[in-house]
Amino acid sequence: MSWAVEEWKDGLPGKALLKIQEMEGQLDKLKKDRNQKQFQLESIEAALQKQKQKADSERTETTALKRENQSLLESCDSLEKARQRVVHDLGIKEQQVSYLDGQLNSCRKTIERLEQELKK
């Protein structure tokens, strides 16, 4: 088969054959270079795809973390409002206890006074 491909060269002058051989060598070198460049391109494209997937994954994770952060902020706000309500309610209860202590003391004094009057 190779012989049939080479048949067209039969009868060409030696100088032309040398030039053809040189050009075929250059062609082989160019094909080899092209194959190397193609391999490099495919490797770079694969790396690019991997980086794109990584970036997409990180964007997805970032979005999820932002949502979680927002949810936590809302929970913190809700808890702070509840804490403030409890502190306010506690203040009111303490005032009520203080008022009732005052009334209790007043009642005790009244009872003591009445008991003293009864003893007389």
N, C-alpha and C. Protein backbone atom coordinates (compact mmCIF):
# COMPACT_ATOMS: atom_id res chain seq x y z
N MET A 1 0.84 -1.18 0.00
CA MET A 1 0.00 0.00 0.00
C MET A 1 0.87 1.24 0.00
N SER A 2 1.87 1.24 0.85
CA SER A 2 2.80 2.37 0.91
C SER A 2 3.47 2.58 -0.45
N TRP A 3 3.68 1.48 -1.13
CA TRP A 3 4.33 1.57 -2.44
C TRP A 3 3.46 2.36 -3.41
N ALA A 4 2.11 2.15 -3.37
CA ALA A 4 1.19 2.85 -4.26
C ALA A 4 1.16 4.34 -3.93
N VAL A 5 1.26 4.67 -2.68
CA VAL A 5 1.26 6.07 -2.25
C VAL A 5 2.54 6.75 -2.74
N GLU A 6 3.63 6.03 -2.74
CA GLU A 6 4.92 6.58 -3.13
C GLU A 6 5.14 6.54 -4.65
N GLU A 7 4.31 5.84 -5.38
CA GLU A 7 4.48 5.64 -6.82
C GLU A 7 4.56 6.94 -7.61
N TRP A 8 3.84 7.95 -7.19
CA TRP A 8 3.81 9.22 -7.92
C TRP A 8 5.17 9.91 -7.95
N LYS A 9 6.06 9.50 -7.04
CA LYS A 9 7.39 10.11 -6.96
C LYS A 9 8.36 9.51 -7.99
N ASP A 10 8.00 8.38 -8.54
CA ASP A 10 8.89 7.72 -9.51
C ASP A 10 9.21 8.66 -10.66
N GLY A 11 10.47 8.74 -10.98
CA GLY A 11 10.90 9.53 -12.12
C GLY A 11 11.17 10.98 -11.80
N LEU A 12 10.96 11.41 -10.57
CA LEU A 12 11.24 12.80 -10.21
C LEU A 12 12.74 12.97 -10.00
N PRO A 13 13.26 14.17 -10.28
CA PRO A 13 14.70 14.40 -10.07
C PRO A 13 15.04 14.30 -8.59
N GLY A 14 16.30 14.02 -8.29
CA GLY A 14 16.77 13.85 -6.91
C GLY A 14 16.54 15.07 -6.06
N LYS A 15 16.75 16.25 -6.66
CA LYS A 15 16.55 17.50 -5.92
C LYS A 15 15.09 17.63 -5.47
N ALA A 16 14.17 17.28 -6.37
CA ALA A 16 12.75 17.35 -6.05
C ALA A 16 12.40 16.33 -4.97
N LEU A 17 13.00 15.14 -5.07
CA LEU A 17 12.74 14.11 -4.05
C LEU A 17 13.23 14.57 -2.68
N LEU A 18 14.40 15.22 -2.66
CA LEU A 18 14.92 15.75 -1.39
C LEU A 18 13.97 16.81 -0.81
N LYS A 19 13.49 17.69 -1.71
CA LYS A 19 12.58 18.74 -1.26
C LYS A 19 11.27 18.12 -0.74
N ILE A 20 10.76 17.09 -1.45
CA ILE A 20 9.54 16.40 -1.01
C ILE A 20 9.79 15.75 0.35
N GLN A 21 10.95 15.10 0.49
CA GLN A 21 11.28 14.45 1.76
C GLN A 21 11.35 15.48 2.89
N GLU A 22 11.96 16.64 2.59
CA GLU A 22 12.05 17.71 3.59
C GLU A 22 10.66 18.21 3.97
N MET A 23 9.81 18.39 2.94
CA MET A 23 8.46 18.88 3.20
C MET A 23 7.63 17.84 3.98
N GLU A 24 7.82 16.56 3.66
CA GLU A 24 7.12 15.52 4.40
C GLU A 24 7.58 15.49 5.86
N GLY A 25 8.88 15.72 6.08
CA GLY A 25 9.40 15.80 7.45
C GLY A 25 8.77 16.97 8.20
N GLN A 26 8.68 18.12 7.49
CA GLN A 26 8.05 19.29 8.10
C GLN A 26 6.57 19.00 8.41
N LEU A 27 5.92 18.30 7.44
CA LEU A 27 4.51 17.96 7.64
C LEU A 27 4.35 17.06 8.86
N ASP A 28 5.22 16.05 8.98
CA ASP A 28 5.15 15.16 10.15
C ASP A 28 5.36 15.94 11.44
N LYS A 29 6.34 16.86 11.41
CA LYS A 29 6.61 17.69 12.60
C LYS A 29 5.40 18.55 12.93
N LEU A 30 4.80 19.15 11.90
CA LEU A 30 3.62 19.99 12.12
C LEU A 30 2.44 19.17 12.66
N LYS A 31 2.28 17.95 12.13
CA LYS A 31 1.21 17.08 12.64
C LYS A 31 1.45 16.74 14.10
N LYS A 32 2.73 16.45 14.42
CA LYS A 32 3.08 16.13 15.81
C LYS A 32 2.80 17.34 16.71
N ASP A 33 3.21 18.53 16.25
CA ASP A 33 2.96 19.77 17.01
C ASP A 33 1.46 19.99 17.19
N ARG A 34 0.72 19.77 16.09
CA ARG A 34 -0.73 19.97 16.17
C ARG A 34 -1.35 19.00 17.18
N ASN A 35 -0.90 17.76 17.17
CA ASN A 35 -1.41 16.77 18.12
C ASN A 35 -1.08 17.17 19.56
N GLN A 36 0.15 17.68 19.77
CA GLN A 36 0.53 18.15 21.11
C GLN A 36 -0.35 19.32 21.53
N LYS A 37 -0.54 20.26 20.60
CA LYS A 37 -1.38 21.44 20.91
C LYS A 37 -2.82 21.00 21.19
N GLN A 38 -3.31 20.04 20.41
CA GLN A 38 -4.67 19.55 20.62
C GLN A 38 -4.79 18.90 22.00
N PHE A 39 -3.78 18.11 22.37
CA PHE A 39 -3.78 17.48 23.69
C PHE A 39 -3.74 18.54 24.79
N GLN A 40 -2.88 19.57 24.60
CA GLN A 40 -2.81 20.65 25.59
C GLN A 40 -4.15 21.37 25.69
N LEU A 41 -4.76 21.63 24.52
CA LEU A 41 -6.06 22.31 24.51
C LEU A 41 -7.11 21.48 25.26
N GLU A 42 -7.13 20.18 24.99
CA GLU A 42 -8.10 19.31 25.66
C GLU A 42 -7.84 19.26 27.17
N SER A 43 -6.56 19.25 27.55
CA SER A 43 -6.22 19.26 28.98
C SER A 43 -6.67 20.56 29.63
N ILE A 44 -6.42 21.67 28.94
CA ILE A 44 -6.81 22.98 29.48
C ILE A 44 -8.34 23.08 29.57
N GLU A 45 -9.04 22.58 28.54
CA GLU A 45 -10.50 22.60 28.57
C GLU A 45 -11.04 21.75 29.71
N ALA A 46 -10.41 20.59 29.94
CA ALA A 46 -10.84 19.73 31.05
C ALA A 46 -10.62 20.44 32.39
N ALA A 47 -9.45 21.11 32.51
CA ALA A 47 -9.16 21.85 33.75
C ALA A 47 -10.16 23.00 33.92
N LEU A 48 -10.48 23.67 32.81
CA LEU A 48 -11.45 24.77 32.86
C LEU A 48 -12.82 24.25 33.31
N GLN A 49 -13.26 23.13 32.76
CA GLN A 49 -14.54 22.55 33.17
C GLN A 49 -14.53 22.21 34.65
N LYS A 50 -13.41 21.65 35.11
CA LYS A 50 -13.30 21.31 36.53
C LYS A 50 -13.39 22.57 37.39
N GLN A 51 -12.71 23.64 36.96
CA GLN A 51 -12.76 24.91 37.70
C GLN A 51 -14.17 25.49 37.68
N LYS A 52 -14.85 25.38 36.53
CA LYS A 52 -16.23 25.89 36.45
C LYS A 52 -17.14 25.12 37.41
N GLN A 53 -16.97 23.79 37.44
CA GLN A 53 -17.78 22.99 38.36
C GLN A 53 -17.48 23.36 39.80
N LYS A 54 -16.20 23.58 40.09
CA LYS A 54 -15.81 23.96 41.45
C LYS A 54 -16.42 25.32 41.80
N ALA A 55 -16.35 26.27 40.85
CA ALA A 55 -16.92 27.60 41.09
C ALA A 55 -18.43 27.50 41.30
N ASP A 56 -19.11 26.68 40.49
CA ASP A 56 -20.56 26.50 40.65
C ASP A 56 -20.87 25.90 42.01
N SER A 57 -20.08 24.91 42.40
CA SER A 57 -20.28 24.28 43.71
C SER A 57 -20.08 25.29 44.83
N GLU A 58 -19.04 26.11 44.70
CA GLU A 58 -18.78 27.12 45.73
C GLU A 58 -19.87 28.18 45.76
N ARG A 59 -20.39 28.55 44.57
CA ARG A 59 -21.50 29.52 44.53
C ARG A 59 -22.72 28.94 45.23
N THR A 60 -23.00 27.66 44.96
CA THR A 60 -24.14 27.00 45.60
C THR A 60 -23.95 26.97 47.11
N GLU A 61 -22.74 26.63 47.55
CA GLU A 61 -22.45 26.58 48.99
C GLU A 61 -22.56 27.97 49.61
N THR A 62 -22.05 28.98 48.89
CA THR A 62 -22.12 30.36 49.38
C THR A 62 -23.57 30.80 49.54
N THR A 63 -24.39 30.46 48.56
CA THR A 63 -25.81 30.81 48.62
C THR A 63 -26.48 30.13 49.82
N ALA A 64 -26.16 28.86 50.02
CA ALA A 64 -26.73 28.13 51.16
C ALA A 64 -26.27 28.74 52.48
N LEU A 65 -24.99 29.12 52.55
CA LEU A 65 -24.47 29.73 53.78
C LEU A 65 -25.10 31.10 54.03
N LYS A 66 -25.34 31.86 52.96
CA LYS A 66 -25.99 33.16 53.11
C LYS A 66 -27.41 32.98 53.65
N ARG A 67 -28.11 31.96 53.09
CA ARG A 67 -29.47 31.68 53.58
C ARG A 67 -29.45 31.28 55.04
N GLU A 68 -28.50 30.40 55.39
CA GLU A 68 -28.39 29.95 56.78
C GLU A 68 -28.05 31.13 57.69
N ASN A 69 -27.15 31.99 57.23
CA ASN A 69 -26.76 33.17 58.01
C ASN A 69 -27.96 34.08 58.24
N GLN A 70 -28.76 34.30 57.18
CA GLN A 70 -29.95 35.14 57.31
C GLN A 70 -30.93 34.53 58.30
N SER A 71 -31.10 33.22 58.21
CA SER A 71 -31.99 32.53 59.14
C SER A 71 -31.50 32.68 60.58
N LEU A 72 -30.19 32.54 60.78
CA LEU A 72 -29.63 32.69 62.12
C LEU A 72 -29.79 34.12 62.63
N LEU A 73 -29.60 35.10 61.74
CA LEU A 73 -29.81 36.50 62.15
C LEU A 73 -31.25 36.73 62.59
N GLU A 74 -32.19 36.17 61.82
CA GLU A 74 -33.60 36.32 62.18
C GLU A 74 -33.89 35.63 63.51
N SER A 75 -33.30 34.47 63.72
CA SER A 75 -33.48 33.76 65.00
C SER A 75 -32.91 34.59 66.15
N CYS A 76 -31.73 35.17 65.93
CA CYS A 76 -31.11 36.01 66.97
C CYS A 76 -32.00 37.21 67.29
N ASP A 77 -32.54 37.85 66.24
CA ASP A 77 -33.43 38.99 66.47
C ASP A 77 -34.65 38.57 67.27
N SER A 78 -35.22 37.44 66.88
CA SER A 78 -36.40 36.93 67.58
C SER A 78 -36.08 36.63 69.04
N LEU A 79 -34.95 35.97 69.27
CA LEU A 79 -34.54 35.65 70.65
C LEU A 79 -34.26 36.92 71.45
N GLU A 80 -33.66 37.92 70.83
CA GLU A 80 -33.38 39.18 71.54
C GLU A 80 -34.69 39.86 71.93
N LYS A 81 -35.66 39.87 71.02
CA LYS A 81 -36.96 40.47 71.35
C LYS A 81 -37.63 39.71 72.50
N ALA A 82 -37.55 38.38 72.45
CA ALA A 82 -38.13 37.56 73.52
C ALA A 82 -37.41 37.85 74.84
N ARG A 83 -36.08 37.97 74.80
CA ARG A 83 -35.30 38.28 76.01
C ARG A 83 -35.73 39.63 76.58
N GLN A 84 -35.89 40.62 75.71
CA GLN A 84 -36.31 41.94 76.18
C GLN A 84 -37.70 41.88 76.81
N ARG A 85 -38.60 41.09 76.20
CA ARG A 85 -39.95 40.94 76.79
C ARG A 85 -39.86 40.31 78.17
N VAL A 86 -39.03 39.26 78.30
CA VAL A 86 -38.88 38.58 79.59
C VAL A 86 -38.29 39.52 80.62
N VAL A 87 -37.28 40.31 80.22
CA VAL A 87 -36.68 41.28 81.16
C VAL A 87 -37.73 42.30 81.58
N HIS A 88 -38.53 42.77 80.64
CA HIS A 88 -39.58 43.74 80.96
C HIS A 88 -40.61 43.11 81.90
N ASP A 89 -41.04 41.89 81.56
CA ASP A 89 -42.02 41.19 82.42
C ASP A 89 -41.45 40.95 83.81
N LEU A 90 -40.17 40.59 83.89
CA LEU A 90 -39.52 40.38 85.18
C LEU A 90 -39.53 41.67 86.00
N GLY A 91 -39.25 42.79 85.35
CA GLY A 91 -39.28 44.08 86.04
C GLY A 91 -40.66 44.37 86.61
N ILE A 92 -41.68 44.09 85.81
CA ILE A 92 -43.06 44.30 86.28
C ILE A 92 -43.36 43.38 87.46
N LYS A 93 -42.96 42.11 87.36
CA LYS A 93 -43.21 41.16 88.45
C LYS A 93 -42.47 41.60 89.72
N GLU A 94 -41.25 42.08 89.57
CA GLU A 94 -40.50 42.55 90.74
C GLU A 94 -41.19 43.74 91.39
N GLN A 95 -41.75 44.63 90.57
CA GLN A 95 -42.50 45.77 91.12
C GLN A 95 -43.74 45.27 91.86
N GLN A 96 -44.42 44.28 91.28
CA GLN A 96 -45.61 43.73 91.94
C GLN A 96 -45.23 43.07 93.27
N VAL A 97 -44.13 42.32 93.27
CA VAL A 97 -43.68 41.67 94.51
C VAL A 97 -43.35 42.74 95.55
N SER A 98 -42.67 43.79 95.13
CA SER A 98 -42.32 44.87 96.06
C SER A 98 -43.58 45.52 96.62
N TYR A 99 -44.56 45.78 95.75
CA TYR A 99 -45.81 46.38 96.19
C TYR A 99 -46.53 45.45 97.18
N LEU A 100 -46.58 44.15 96.84
CA LEU A 100 -47.25 43.19 97.72
C LEU A 100 -46.50 43.03 99.04
N ASP A 101 -45.16 43.09 99.01
CA ASP A 101 -44.38 43.06 100.26
C ASP A 101 -44.76 44.25 101.14
N GLY A 102 -44.89 45.40 100.50
CA GLY A 102 -45.29 46.60 101.24
C GLY A 102 -46.66 46.42 101.87
N GLN A 103 -47.60 45.88 101.12
CA GLN A 103 -48.95 45.64 101.65
C GLN A 103 -48.91 44.62 102.77
N LEU A 104 -48.10 43.55 102.59
CA LEU A 104 -47.98 42.52 103.62
C LEU A 104 -47.43 43.13 104.91
N ASN A 105 -46.40 43.94 104.80
CA ASN A 105 -45.84 44.59 105.99
C ASN A 105 -46.87 45.50 106.65
N SER A 106 -47.60 46.22 105.82
CA SER A 106 -48.64 47.11 106.37
C SER A 106 -49.71 46.29 107.09
N CYS A 107 -50.11 45.17 106.51
CA CYS A 107 -51.11 44.30 107.15
C CYS A 107 -50.57 43.72 108.44
N ARG A 108 -49.31 43.31 108.48
CA ARG A 108 -48.71 42.77 109.70
C ARG A 108 -48.72 43.81 110.81
N LYS A 109 -48.36 45.03 110.42
CA LYS A 109 -48.36 46.10 111.43
C LYS A 109 -49.77 46.35 111.95
N THR A 110 -50.72 46.31 111.03
CA THR A 110 -52.11 46.51 111.45
C THR A 110 -52.54 45.38 112.37
N ILE A 111 -52.18 44.14 112.04
CA ILE A 111 -52.51 42.98 112.88
C ILE A 111 -51.85 43.12 114.24
N GLU A 112 -50.59 43.49 114.27
CA GLU A 112 -49.87 43.66 115.55
C GLU A 112 -50.55 44.74 116.39
N ARG A 113 -50.91 45.83 115.74
CA ARG A 113 -51.55 46.92 116.48
C ARG A 113 -52.90 46.46 117.03
N LEU A 114 -53.65 45.75 116.20
CA LEU A 114 -54.96 45.27 116.67
C LEU A 114 -54.80 44.24 117.79
N GLU A 115 -53.77 43.38 117.69
CA GLU A 115 -53.53 42.40 118.75
C GLU A 115 -53.15 43.12 120.05
N GLN A 116 -52.37 44.17 119.93
CA GLN A 116 -51.99 44.94 121.12
C GLN A 116 -53.22 45.59 121.75
N GLU A 117 -54.09 46.08 120.90
CA GLU A 117 -55.31 46.71 121.42
C GLU A 117 -56.20 45.68 122.11
N LEU A 118 -56.25 44.48 121.55
CA LEU A 118 -57.07 43.42 122.15
C LEU A 118 -56.51 42.99 123.50
N LYS A 119 -55.22 42.99 123.64
CA LYS A 119 -54.59 42.59 124.90
C LYS A 119 -54.85 43.62 126.00
N LYS A 120 -55.09 44.80 125.66
CA LYS A 120 -55.29 45.83 126.68
C LYS A 120 -56.60 45.74 127.31
